[in-house]
PDB file of N, CA and C in Angstrom:
ATOM      1  N   MET A   1      64.249  89.279 108.115  1.00  0.00           N
ATOM      2  CA  MET A   1      64.236  89.308 106.720  1.00  0.00           C
ATOM      3  C   MET A   1      64.820  87.596 105.482  1.00  0.00           C
ATOM      4  N   SER A   2      64.264  87.528 104.246  1.00  0.00           N
ATOM      5  CA  SER A   2      64.413  86.532 103.519  1.00  0.00           C
ATOM      6  C   SER A   2      65.965  86.158 102.985  1.00  0.00           C
ATOM      7  N   ARG A   3      65.922  85.406 102.822  1.00  0.00           N
ATOM      8  CA  ARG A   3      67.690  85.234 102.261  1.00  0.00           C
ATOM      9  C   ARG A   3      67.354  85.492 100.747  1.00  0.00           C
ATOM     10  N   MET A   4      66.843  86.011 100.192  1.00  0.00           N
ATOM     11  CA  MET A   4      67.354  86.156  98.769  1.00  0.00           C
ATOM     12  C   MET A   4      66.663  88.099  99.056  1.00  0.00           C
ATOM     13  N   ALA A   5      66.712  89.023 100.108  1.00  0.00           N
ATOM     14  CA  ALA A   5      66.366  89.583 100.175  1.00  0.00           C
ATOM     15  C   ALA A   5      68.404  90.379 100.839  1.00  0.00           C
ATOM     16  N   MET A   6      68.149  89.057 101.343  1.00  0.00           N
ATOM     17  CA  MET A   6      69.662  89.116 102.274  1.00  0.00           C
ATOM     18  C   MET A   6      71.102  89.386 101.679  1.00  0.00           C
ATOM     19  N   ALA A   7      71.096  88.071 100.629  1.00  0.00           N
ATOM     20  CA  ALA A   7      72.303  87.924  99.539  1.00  0.00           C
ATOM     21  C   ALA A   7      72.211  88.894  98.520  1.00  0.00           C
ATOM     22  N   VAL A   8      71.009  89.627  98.803  1.00  0.00           N
ATOM     23  CA  VAL A   8      71.259  90.802  97.377  1.00  0.00           C
ATOM     24  C   VAL A   8      72.314  91.875  98.186  1.00  0.00           C
ATOM     25  N   ILE A   9      71.183  92.127  98.923  1.00  0.00           N
ATOM     26  CA  ILE A   9      71.959  93.219 100.184  1.00  0.00           C
ATOM     27  C   ILE A   9      73.122  93.161 100.414  1.00  0.00           C
ATOM     28  N   LEU A  10      74.059  91.726 100.280  1.00  0.00           N
ATOM     29  CA  LEU A  10      74.974  91.706 100.770  1.00  0.00           C
ATOM     30  C   LEU A  10      76.315  91.746  99.578  1.00  0.00           C
ATOM     31  N   SER A  11      75.159  90.692  98.348  1.00  0.00           N
ATOM     32  CA  SER A  11      75.831  91.570  97.023  1.00  0.00           C
ATOM     33  C   SER A  11      76.118  92.718  96.956  1.00  0.00           C
ATOM     34  N   PHE A  12      75.934  93.418  96.869  1.00  0.00           N
ATOM     35  CA  PHE A  12      75.187  94.742  97.045  1.00  0.00           C
ATOM     36  C   PHE A  12      75.744  95.512  97.373  1.00  0.00           C
ATOM     37  N   LEU A  13      76.448  94.773  99.094  1.00  0.00           N
ATOM     38  CA  LEU A  13      77.432  96.254  99.557  1.00  0.00           C
ATOM     39  C   LEU A  13      78.640  95.576  99.392  1.00  0.00           C
ATOM     40  N   CYS A  14      79.356  94.538  98.593  1.00  0.00           N
ATOM     41  CA  CYS A  14      80.471  93.687  98.302  1.00  0.00           C
ATOM     42  C   CYS A  14      80.226  93.107  97.804  1.00  0.00           C
ATOM     43  N   PRO A  15      80.355  93.276  95.425  1.00  0.00           N
ATOM     44  CA  PRO A  15      80.064  92.173  94.773  1.00  0.00           C
ATOM     45  C   PRO A  15      80.897  90.695  95.906  1.00  0.00           C
ATOM     46  N   GLY A  16      80.679  89.254  95.359  1.00  0.00           N
ATOM     47  CA  GLY A  16      80.594  88.323  96.613  1.00  0.00           C
ATOM     48  C   GLY A  16      80.793  87.461  97.929  1.00  0.00           C
ATOM     49  N   LEU A  17      80.835  88.529  97.769  1.00  0.00           N
ATOM     50  CA  LEU A  17      79.201  88.042  99.901  1.00  0.00           C
ATOM     51  C   LEU A  17      78.374  87.337  99.797  1.00  0.00           C
ATOM     52  N   GLY A  18      77.189  87.278  99.126  1.00  0.00           N
ATOM     53  CA  GLY A  18      75.646  87.326  98.568  1.00  0.00           C
ATOM     54  C   GLY A  18      76.351  85.514  98.695  1.00  0.00           C
ATOM     55  N   GLN A  19      77.590  84.910  97.421  1.00  0.00           N
ATOM     56  CA  GLN A  19      77.863  84.269  97.215  1.00  0.00           C
ATOM     57  C   GLN A  19      78.504  83.384  98.985  1.00  0.00           C
ATOM     58  N   ILE A  20      78.764  84.496  99.223  1.00  0.00           N
ATOM     59  CA  ILE A  20      79.658  83.440 100.404  1.00  0.00           C
ATOM     60  C   ILE A  20      78.362  82.862 101.653  1.00  0.00           C
ATOM     61  N   TYR A  21      77.540  84.061 101.192  1.00  0.00           N
ATOM     62  CA  TYR A  21      76.637  83.800 102.493  1.00  0.00           C
ATOM     63  C   TYR A  21      75.491  82.506 102.205  1.00  0.00           C
ATOM     64  N   ASN A  22      75.668  82.519 100.626  1.00  0.00           N
ATOM     65  CA  ASN A  22      75.435  80.955  99.457  1.00  0.00           C
ATOM     66  C   ASN A  22      75.366  79.676 100.034  1.00  0.00           C
ATOM     67  N   LYS A  23      76.847  80.292 100.556  1.00  0.00           N
ATOM     68  CA  LYS A  23      77.256  78.834 100.651  1.00  0.00           C
ATOM     69  C   LYS A  23      77.965  78.559  99.437  1.00  0.00           C
ATOM     70  N   GLU A  24      79.079  79.594  99.250  1.00  0.00           N
ATOM     71  CA  GLU A  24      79.328  79.576  97.104  1.00  0.00           C
ATOM     72  C   GLU A  24      80.771  79.966  97.636  1.00  0.00           C
ATOM     73  N   HIS A  25      81.791  79.933  98.853  1.00  0.00           N
ATOM     74  CA  HIS A  25      83.020  80.424  98.815  1.00  0.00           C
ATOM     75  C   HIS A  25      83.608  80.512  98.293  1.00  0.00           C
ATOM     76  N   GLY A  26      83.882  79.455  96.566  1.00  0.00           N
ATOM     77  CA  GLY A  26      85.059  79.279  96.080  1.00  0.00           C
ATOM     78  C   GLY A  26      84.239  80.749  94.906  1.00  0.00           C
ATOM     79  N   LYS A  27      82.845  80.923  93.870  1.00  0.00           N
ATOM     80  CA  LYS A  27      83.046  81.617  93.572  1.00  0.00           C
ATOM     81  C   LYS A  27      83.235  82.989  94.356  1.00  0.00           C
ATOM     82  N   GLY A  28      82.356  82.954  95.525  1.00  0.00           N
ATOM     83  CA  GLY A  28      82.655  85.023  96.206  1.00  0.00           C
ATOM     84  C   GLY A  28      83.644  84.930  96.440  1.00  0.00           C
ATOM     85  N   TRP A  29      85.001  84.488  96.372  1.00  0.00           N
ATOM     86  CA  TRP A  29      86.163  84.551  96.801  1.00  0.00           C
ATOM     87  C   TRP A  29      86.697  84.799  95.292  1.00  0.00           C
ATOM     88  N   LEU A  30      86.152  84.275  94.631  1.00  0.00           N
ATOM     89  CA  LEU A  30      86.840  84.391  93.250  1.00  0.00           C
ATOM     90  C   LEU A  30      86.264  86.595  92.759  1.00  0.00           C
ATOM     91  N   ILE A  31      84.907  86.158  92.635  1.00  0.00           N
ATOM     92  CA  ILE A  31      84.330  87.750  92.677  1.00  0.00           C
ATOM     93  C   ILE A  31      84.772  88.337  93.559  1.00  0.00           C
ATOM     94  N   ILE A  32      85.063  88.661  94.584  1.00  0.00           N
ATOM     95  CA  ILE A  32      85.409  89.603  95.120  1.00  0.00           C
ATOM     96  C   ILE A  32      87.325  89.453  95.043  1.00  0.00           C
ATOM     97  N   ALA A  33      88.089  89.010  94.922  1.00  0.00           N
ATOM     98  CA  ALA A  33      89.319  89.246  94.445  1.00  0.00           C
ATOM     99  C   ALA A  33      89.414  90.034  92.152  1.00  0.00           C
ATOM    100  N   LEU A  34      88.311  89.307  91.448  1.00  0.00           N
ATOM    101  CA  LEU A  34      88.498  89.906  90.590  1.00  0.00           C
ATOM    102  C   LEU A  34      87.886  91.233  90.549  1.00  0.00           C
ATOM    103  N   MET A  35      87.549  91.485  91.136  1.00  0.00           N
ATOM    104  CA  MET A  35      86.649  92.934  91.321  1.00  0.00           C
ATOM    105  C   MET A  35      88.137  93.735  92.177  1.00  0.00           C
ATOM    106  N   THR A  36      88.423  93.484  92.954  1.00  0.00           N
ATOM    107  CA  THR A  36      89.880  93.490  93.181  1.00  0.00           C
ATOM    108  C   THR A  36      91.061  94.318  92.176  1.00  0.00           C
ATOM    109  N   VAL A  37      91.147  93.627  91.358  1.00  0.00           N
ATOM    110  CA  VAL A  37      91.664  93.494  90.185  1.00  0.00           C
ATOM    111  C   VAL A  37      91.288  94.540  89.225  1.00  0.00           C
ATOM    112  N   ILE A  38      90.312  93.806  88.756  1.00  0.00           N
ATOM    113  CA  ILE A  38      89.101  95.536  87.633  1.00  0.00           C
ATOM    114  C   ILE A  38      89.703  96.466  89.032  1.00  0.00           C
ATOM    115  N   PHE A  39      89.898  96.968  89.628  1.00  0.00           N
ATOM    116  CA  PHE A  39      89.408  98.156  90.596  1.00  0.00           C
ATOM    117  C   PHE A  39      91.171  98.776  90.225  1.00  0.00           C
ATOM    118  N   ILE A  40      92.461  97.371  91.200  1.00  0.00           N
ATOM    119  CA  ILE A  40      93.707  97.904  91.067  1.00  0.00           C
ATOM    120  C   ILE A  40      93.708  98.310  90.147  1.00  0.00           C
ATOM    121  N   VAL A  41      93.778  97.653  88.757  1.00  0.00           N
ATOM    122  CA  VAL A  41      94.315  97.319  88.083  1.00  0.00           C
ATOM    123  C   VAL A  41      94.677  99.021  87.120  1.00  0.00           C
ATOM    124  N   PRO A  42      93.569  99.387  86.437  1.00  0.00           N
ATOM    125  CA  PRO A  42      93.777 100.884  86.213  1.00  0.00           C
ATOM    126  C   PRO A  42      94.086 101.812  86.915  1.00  0.00           C
ATOM    127  N   SER A  43      93.993 101.770  88.514  1.00  0.00           N
ATOM    128  CA  SER A  43      93.712 103.110  89.706  1.00  0.00           C
ATOM    129  C   SER A  43      95.540 102.910  89.228  1.00  0.00           C
ATOM    130  N   VAL A  44      96.736 101.626  89.729  1.00  0.00           N
ATOM    131  CA  VAL A  44      98.124 101.867  89.236  1.00  0.00           C
ATOM    132  C   VAL A  44      98.247 101.830  88.079  1.00  0.00           C
ATOM    133  N   TRP A  45      97.377 101.757  86.601  1.00  0.00           N
ATOM    134  CA  TRP A  45      97.740 101.861  85.329  1.00  0.00           C
ATOM    135  C   TRP A  45      97.800 103.727  85.706  1.00  0.00           C
ATOM    136  N   LEU A  46      96.988 104.175  85.831  1.00  0.00           N
ATOM    137  CA  LEU A  46      96.711 105.795  86.081  1.00  0.00           C
ATOM    138  C   LEU A  46      98.786 106.355  86.161  1.00  0.00           C
ATOM    139  N   MET A  47      98.588 106.151  87.457  1.00  0.00           N
ATOM    140  CA  MET A  47      98.984 106.070  88.973  1.00  0.00           C
ATOM    141  C   MET A  47     100.872 106.436  87.773  1.00  0.00           C
ATOM    142  N   GLN A  48     100.533 105.827  87.571  1.00  0.00           N
ATOM    143  CA  GLN A  48     102.324 105.415  86.580  1.00  0.00           C
ATOM    144  C   GLN A  48     102.057 106.159  85.479  1.00  0.00           C
ATOM    145  N   SER A  49     100.600 106.728  84.915  1.00  0.00           N
ATOM    146  CA  SER A  49     101.281 107.339  83.628  1.00  0.00           C
ATOM    147  C   SER A  49     101.327 108.590  83.906  1.00  0.00           C
ATOM    148  N   ILE A  50     100.498 109.333  84.817  1.00  0.00           N
ATOM    149  CA  ILE A  50     100.808 110.686  85.048  1.00  0.00           C
ATOM    150  C   ILE A  50     102.257 110.494  86.212  1.00  0.00           C
ATOM    151  N   THR A  51     102.559 109.704  86.649  1.00  0.00           N
ATOM    152  CA  THR A  51     103.624 110.325  87.343  1.00  0.00           C
ATOM    153  C   THR A  51     104.689 111.027  86.962  1.00  0.00           C
ATOM    154  N   PRO A  52     105.211 110.528  85.542  1.00  0.00           N
ATOM    155  CA  PRO A  52     106.597 111.802  84.974  1.00  0.00           C
ATOM    156  C   PRO A  52     106.295 113.300  85.374  1.00  0.00           C
ATOM    157  N   LEU A  53     104.209 112.979  84.861  1.00  0.00           N
ATOM    158  CA  LEU A  53     103.906 114.749  83.588  1.00  0.00           C
ATOM    159  C   LEU A  53     103.933 115.416  85.453  1.00  0.00           C
ATOM    160  N   THR A  54     103.794 114.695  86.126  1.00  0.00           N
ATOM    161  CA  THR A  54     103.907 115.435  88.020  1.00  0.00           C
ATOM    162  C   THR A  54     104.945 115.687  88.299  1.00  0.00           C
ATOM    163  N   GLU A  55     106.134 115.361  88.046  1.00  0.00           N
ATOM    164  CA  GLU A  55     107.522 115.420  88.777  1.00  0.00           C
ATOM    165  C   GLU A  55     107.296 116.867  88.856  1.00  0.00           C
ATOM    166  N   GLY A  56     107.727 118.265  89.837  1.00  0.00           N
ATOM    167  CA  GLY A  56     108.657 119.497  89.537  1.00  0.00           C
ATOM    168  C   GLY A  56     107.246 120.378  89.053  1.00  0.00           C
ATOM    169  N   ILE A  57     105.977 119.962  89.342  1.00  0.00           N
ATOM    170  CA  ILE A  57     105.169 121.213  88.624  1.00  0.00           C
ATOM    171  C   ILE A  57     104.241 121.099  90.224  1.00  0.00           C
ATOM    172  N   ASP A  58     103.620 122.155  89.966  1.00  0.00           N
ATOM    173  CA  ASP A  58     102.601 122.476  91.109  1.00  0.00           C
ATOM    174  C   ASP A  58     101.579 120.971  91.550  1.00  0.00           C
ATOM    175  N   PRO A  59     101.739 121.521  92.664  1.00  0.00           N
ATOM    176  CA  PRO A  59     100.493 120.276  93.778  1.00  0.00           C
ATOM    177  C   PRO A  59      98.786 120.634  92.854  1.00  0.00           C
ATOM    178  N   LEU A  60      98.508 121.944  92.884  1.00  0.00           N
ATOM    179  CA  LEU A  60      97.202 122.332  92.879  1.00  0.00           C
ATOM    180  C   LEU A  60      96.813 121.855  90.748  1.00  0.00           C
ATOM    181  N   GLU A  61      98.100 121.514  90.069  1.00  0.00           N
ATOM    182  CA  GLU A  61      98.183 120.983  88.705  1.00  0.00           C
ATOM    183  C   GLU A  61      98.162 119.655  88.229  1.00  0.00           C
ATOM    184  N   ILE A  62      98.090 119.272  89.645  1.00  0.00           N
ATOM    185  CA  ILE A  62      97.537 117.677  89.424  1.00  0.00           C
ATOM    186  C   ILE A  62      96.354 117.832  88.807  1.00  0.00           C
ATOM    187  N   GLN A  63      95.793 117.784  89.715  1.00  0.00           N
ATOM    188  CA  GLN A  63      94.289 117.559  88.673  1.00  0.00           C
ATOM    189  C   GLN A  63      93.995 117.853  87.376  1.00  0.00           C
ATOM    190  N   SER A  64      93.869 118.741  87.071  1.00  0.00           N
ATOM    191  CA  SER A  64      94.502 119.057  85.287  1.00  0.00           C
ATOM    192  C   SER A  64      94.842 117.837  85.251  1.00  0.00           C
ATOM    193  N   VAL A  65      96.791 117.517  84.884  1.00  0.00           N
ATOM    194  CA  VAL A  65      97.338 116.750  84.677  1.00  0.00           C
ATOM    195  C   VAL A  65      96.250 115.092  84.655  1.00  0.00           C
ATOM    196  N   MET A  66      95.600 114.814  85.882  1.00  0.00           N
ATOM    197  CA  MET A  66      95.495 113.766  85.846  1.00  0.00           C
ATOM    198  C   MET A  66      93.505 113.391  84.960  1.00  0.00           C
ATOM    199  N   GLY A  67      92.494 114.424  84.522  1.00  0.00           N
ATOM    200  CA  GLY A  67      91.940 114.991  83.814  1.00  0.00           C
ATOM    201  C   GLY A  67      91.852 114.738  82.346  1.00  0.00           C
ATOM    202  N   LYS A  68      93.499 115.032  82.129  1.00  0.00           N
ATOM    203  CA  LYS A  68      93.454 115.416  80.783  1.00  0.00           C
ATOM    204  C   LYS A  68      94.044 113.529  80.463  1.00  0.00           C
ATOM    205  N   ALA A  69      94.736 112.961  81.479  1.00  0.00           N
ATOM    206  CA  ALA A  69      95.569 111.698  80.974  1.00  0.00           C
ATOM    207  C   ALA A  69      93.952 110.458  81.410  1.00  0.00           C
ATOM    208  N   VAL A  70      93.026 110.394  81.895  1.00  0.00           N
ATOM    209  CA  VAL A  70      91.915 110.249  81.950  1.00  0.00           C
ATOM    210  C   VAL A  70      91.159 110.227  80.357  1.00  0.00           C
ATOM    211  N   MET A  71      90.589 111.544  79.683  1.00  0.00           N
ATOM    212  CA  MET A  71      90.545 111.071  78.410  1.00  0.00           C
ATOM    213  C   MET A  71      91.924 111.066  77.732  1.00  0.00           C
ATOM    214  N   GLU A  72      92.503 110.871  77.751  1.00  0.00           N
ATOM    215  CA  GLU A  72      93.074 110.493  76.346  1.00  0.00           C
ATOM    216  C   GLU A  72      93.445 109.115  76.606  1.00  0.00           C
ATOM    217  N   ASN A  73      92.675 108.029  77.862  1.00  0.00           N
ATOM    218  CA  ASN A  73      92.642 107.191  78.160  1.00  0.00           C
ATOM    219  C   ASN A  73      91.340 106.256  78.130  1.00  0.00           C
ATOM    220  N   LYS A  74      90.467 107.335  78.186  1.00  0.00           N
ATOM    221  CA  LYS A  74      88.539 106.998  78.100  1.00  0.00           C
ATOM    222  C   LYS A  74      88.193 105.673  78.036  1.00  0.00           C
ATOM    223  N   HIS A  75      88.843 105.514  76.909  1.00  0.00           N
ATOM    224  CA  HIS A  75      87.669 103.938  76.124  1.00  0.00           C
ATOM    225  C   HIS A  75      88.528 103.244  77.071  1.00  0.00           C
ATOM    226  N   THR A  76      89.852 102.836  77.141  1.00  0.00           N
ATOM    227  CA  THR A  76      90.317 101.183  77.875  1.00  0.00           C
ATOM    228  C   THR A  76      89.748 101.775  79.426  1.00  0.00           C
ATOM    229  N   LEU A  77      89.787 103.251  80.003  1.00  0.00           N
ATOM    230  CA  LEU A  77      89.023 103.034  81.471  1.00  0.00           C
ATOM    231  C   LEU A  77      87.593 102.521  81.126  1.00  0.00           C
ATOM    232  N   ASN A  78      86.762 102.846  80.361  1.00  0.00           N
ATOM    233  CA  ASN A  78      85.469 102.639  80.491  1.00  0.00           C
ATOM    234  C   ASN A  78      85.336 101.085  80.211  1.00  0.00           C
ATOM    235  N   MET A  79      86.341 100.392  79.166  1.00  0.00           N
ATOM    236  CA  MET A  79      86.380  98.852  79.489  1.00  0.00           C
ATOM    237  C   MET A  79      86.234  98.025  80.763  1.00  0.00           C
ATOM    238  N   PHE A  80      87.160  98.538  81.451  1.00  0.00           N
ATOM    239  CA  PHE A  80      87.356  98.630  83.598  1.00  0.00           C
ATOM    240  C   PHE A  80      86.405  98.803  83.674  1.00  0.00           C
ATOM    241  N   THR A  81      85.563 100.125  83.260  1.00  0.00           N
ATOM    242  CA  THR A  81      83.701 100.849  84.277  1.00  0.00           C
ATOM    243  C   THR A  81      83.429  99.081  84.061  1.00  0.00           C
ATOM    244  N   PHE A  82      82.972  98.887  82.042  1.00  0.00           N
ATOM    245  CA  PHE A  82      81.905  98.268  82.010  1.00  0.00           C
ATOM    246  C   PHE A  82      81.912  96.357  82.970  1.00  0.00           C
ATOM    247  N   ALA A  83      83.513  96.569  82.561  1.00  0.00           N
ATOM    248  CA  ALA A  83      84.036  94.984  83.427  1.00  0.00           C
ATOM    249  C   ALA A  83      83.866  94.901  84.735  1.00  0.00           C
ATOM    250  N   PHE A  84      83.466  95.934  85.910  1.00  0.00           N
ATOM    251  CA  PHE A  84      83.532  96.077  87.349  1.00  0.00           C
ATOM    252  C   PHE A  84      81.706  96.383  87.509  1.00  0.00           C
ATOM    253  N   LEU A  85      80.755  97.110  86.873  1.00  0.00           N
ATOM    254  CA  LEU A  85      79.800  97.001  86.846  1.00  0.00           C
ATOM    255  C   LEU A  85      79.452  95.360  86.715  1.00  0.00           C
ATOM    256  N   GLY A  86      79.511  95.222  85.065  1.00  0.00           N
ATOM    257  CA  GLY A  86      78.788  94.004  84.865  1.00  0.00           C
ATOM    258  C   GLY A  86      78.897  92.533  85.800  1.00  0.00           C
ATOM    259  N   LEU A  87      80.530  92.488  86.746  1.00  0.00           N
ATOM    260  CA  LEU A  87      80.809  91.556  86.903  1.00  0.00           C
ATOM    261  C   LEU A  87      79.687  91.807  88.989  1.00  0.00           C
ATOM    262  N   TRP A  88      79.495  92.977  89.668  1.00  0.00           N
ATOM    263  CA  TRP A  88      78.383  93.702  90.192  1.00  0.00           C
ATOM    264  C   TRP A  88      77.881  92.849  90.288  1.00  0.00           C
ATOM    265  N   ALA A  89      76.545  93.247  88.822  1.00  0.00           N
ATOM    266  CA  ALA A  89      75.329  92.800  89.155  1.00  0.00           C
ATOM    267  C   ALA A  89      74.802  91.581  87.909  1.00  0.00           C
ATOM    268  N   TYR A  90      75.726  90.844  88.191  1.00  0.00           N
ATOM    269  CA  TYR A  90      75.823  89.548  87.747  1.00  0.00           C
ATOM    270  C   TYR A  90      75.843  88.757  89.690  1.00  0.00           C
ATOM    271  N   SER A  91      76.568  89.486  89.688  1.00  0.00           N
ATOM    272  CA  SER A  91      77.366  88.868  91.321  1.00  0.00           C
ATOM    273  C   SER A  91      75.501  88.894  91.894  1.00  0.00           C
ATOM    274  N   ILE A  92      75.226  89.968  92.147  1.00  0.00           N
ATOM    275  CA  ILE A  92      73.304  90.197  92.688  1.00  0.00           C
ATOM    276  C   ILE A  92      72.339  90.021  91.776  1.00  0.00           C
ATOM    277  N   VAL A  93      72.404  89.574  90.422  1.00  0.00           N
ATOM    278  CA  VAL A  93      71.475  88.763  90.824  1.00  0.00           C
ATOM    279  C   VAL A  93      71.265  87.028  90.702  1.00  0.00           C
ATOM    280  N   GLN A  94      72.967  86.936  90.724  1.00  0.00           N
ATOM    281  CA  GLN A  94      73.609  85.560  90.824  1.00  0.00           C
ATOM    282  C   GLN A  94      73.520  84.424  92.224  1.00  0.00           C
ATOM    283  N   ALA A  95      73.535  86.107  93.186  1.00  0.00           N
ATOM    284  CA  ALA A  95      73.050  86.086  94.534  1.00  0.00           C
ATOM    285  C   ALA A  95      71.397  85.617  95.181  1.00  0.00           C
ATOM    286  N   TYR A  96      70.459  86.151  94.853  1.00  0.00           N
ATOM    287  CA  TYR A  96      69.414  85.746  94.485  1.00  0.00           C
ATOM    288  C   TYR A  96      68.590  84.084  94.297  1.00  0.00           C
ATOM    289  N   PHE A  97      68.792  84.338  92.624  1.00  0.00           N
ATOM    290  CA  PHE A  97      68.514  83.204  92.165  1.00  0.00           C
ATOM    291  C   PHE A  97      69.218  81.795  92.871  1.00  0.00           C
ATOM    292  N   LYS A  98      70.480  81.906  93.440  1.00  0.00           N
ATOM    293  CA  LYS A  98      70.613  81.047  94.410  1.00  0.00           C
ATOM    294  C   LYS A  98      70.559  80.806  96.045  1.00  0.00           C
ATOM    295  N   ALA A  99      70.086  82.130  96.092  1.00  0.00           N
ATOM    296  CA  ALA A  99      69.384  81.437  97.514  1.00  0.00           C
ATOM    297  C   ALA A  99      68.037  81.447  97.092  1.00  0.00           C
ATOM    298  N   GLN A 100      67.180  82.259  96.138  1.00  0.00           N
ATOM    299  CA  GLN A 100      66.086  82.342  96.070  1.00  0.00           C
ATOM    300  C   GLN A 100      66.127  79.434  95.226  1.00  0.00           C
ATOM    301  N   GLU A 101      66.860  79.097  95.209  1.00  0.00           N
ATOM    302  CA  GLU A 101      67.185  77.953  94.796  1.00  0.00           C
ATOM    303  C   GLU A 101      66.918  77.384  96.412  1.00  0.00           C
ATOM    304  N   ILE A 102      68.070  77.996  97.213  1.00  0.00           N
ATOM    305  CA  ILE A 102      68.167  77.227  99.469  1.00  0.00           C
ATOM    306  C   ILE A 102      66.825  76.884  99.560  1.00  0.00           C
ATOM    307  N   ALA A 103      66.342  78.631  99.540  1.00  0.00           N
ATOM    308  CA  ALA A 103      64.976  78.372 100.047  1.00  0.00           C
ATOM    309  C   ALA A 103      63.890  77.705  99.579  1.00  0.00           C
ATOM    310  N   GLY A 104      64.210  77.630  98.150  1.00  0.00           N
ATOM    311  CA  GLY A 104      62.986  76.558  97.420  1.00  0.00           C
ATOM    312  C   GLY A 104      63.064  75.079  98.379  1.00  0.00           C
ATOM    313  N   LYS A 105      64.551  74.718  98.381  1.00  0.00           N
ATOM    314  CA  LYS A 105      64.668  73.292  98.647  1.00  0.00           C
ATOM    315  C   LYS A 105      64.728  72.912 100.100  1.00  0.00           C
ATOM    316  N   ASP A 106      63.976  74.355 100.894  1.00  0.00           N
ATOM    317  CA  ASP A 106      64.085  74.442 101.959  1.00  0.00           C
ATOM    318  C   ASP A 106      63.135  74.505 102.826  1.00  0.00           C
ATOM    319  N   ASP A 107      62.097  74.402 101.983  1.00  0.00           N
ATOM    320  CA  ASP A 107      60.543  74.651 101.826  1.00  0.00           C
ATOM    321  C   ASP A 107      59.646  73.900 101.771  1.00  0.00           C
ATOM    322  N   LYS A 108      60.682  72.491 100.522  1.00  0.00           N
ATOM    323  CA  LYS A 108      60.384  71.603 100.071  1.00  0.00           C
ATOM    324  C   LYS A 108      61.195  70.506 101.172  1.00  0.00           C
ATOM    325  N   GLU A 109      62.339  70.544 102.757  1.00  0.00           N
ATOM    326  CA  GLU A 109      62.615  69.807 102.862  1.00  0.00           C
ATOM    327  C   GLU A 109      61.323  69.908 104.821  1.00  0.00           C
ATOM    328  N   THR A 110      61.105  70.774 104.879  1.00  0.00           N
ATOM    329  CA  THR A 110      59.819  70.993 106.013  1.00  0.00           C
ATOM    330  C   THR A 110      58.803  70.760 105.312  1.00  0.00           C
ATOM    331  N   GLU A 111      58.489  70.370 104.641  1.00  0.00           N
ATOM    332  CA  GLU A 111      57.255  69.966 103.767  1.00  0.00           C
ATOM    333  C   GLU A 111      57.119  67.856 104.606  1.00  0.00           C
TER     334      GLU A 111
END
């Protein structure tokens, strides 16, 4: 498997792993940290926003309360979603081009 394919697959599975594979450890861990924050912040925010609404209600109604909270905050959640997907796409593309650059250097050294 080529270096570029491996970097892309790793970045697809977990953004930042392709950078770590390409020996860009700082960038890889930064991307992993940013992705974690972009995922956790809206999750915690939504859970805190529905906590007062869920006290004393039937557990089967929690899904409808969560749906209502999501619909009320859909623009903010969309911004987090686009940031998450954009960073994920950046990670994949950047890992590919860095792996291509490394493969080109390796080819020149072997000549």
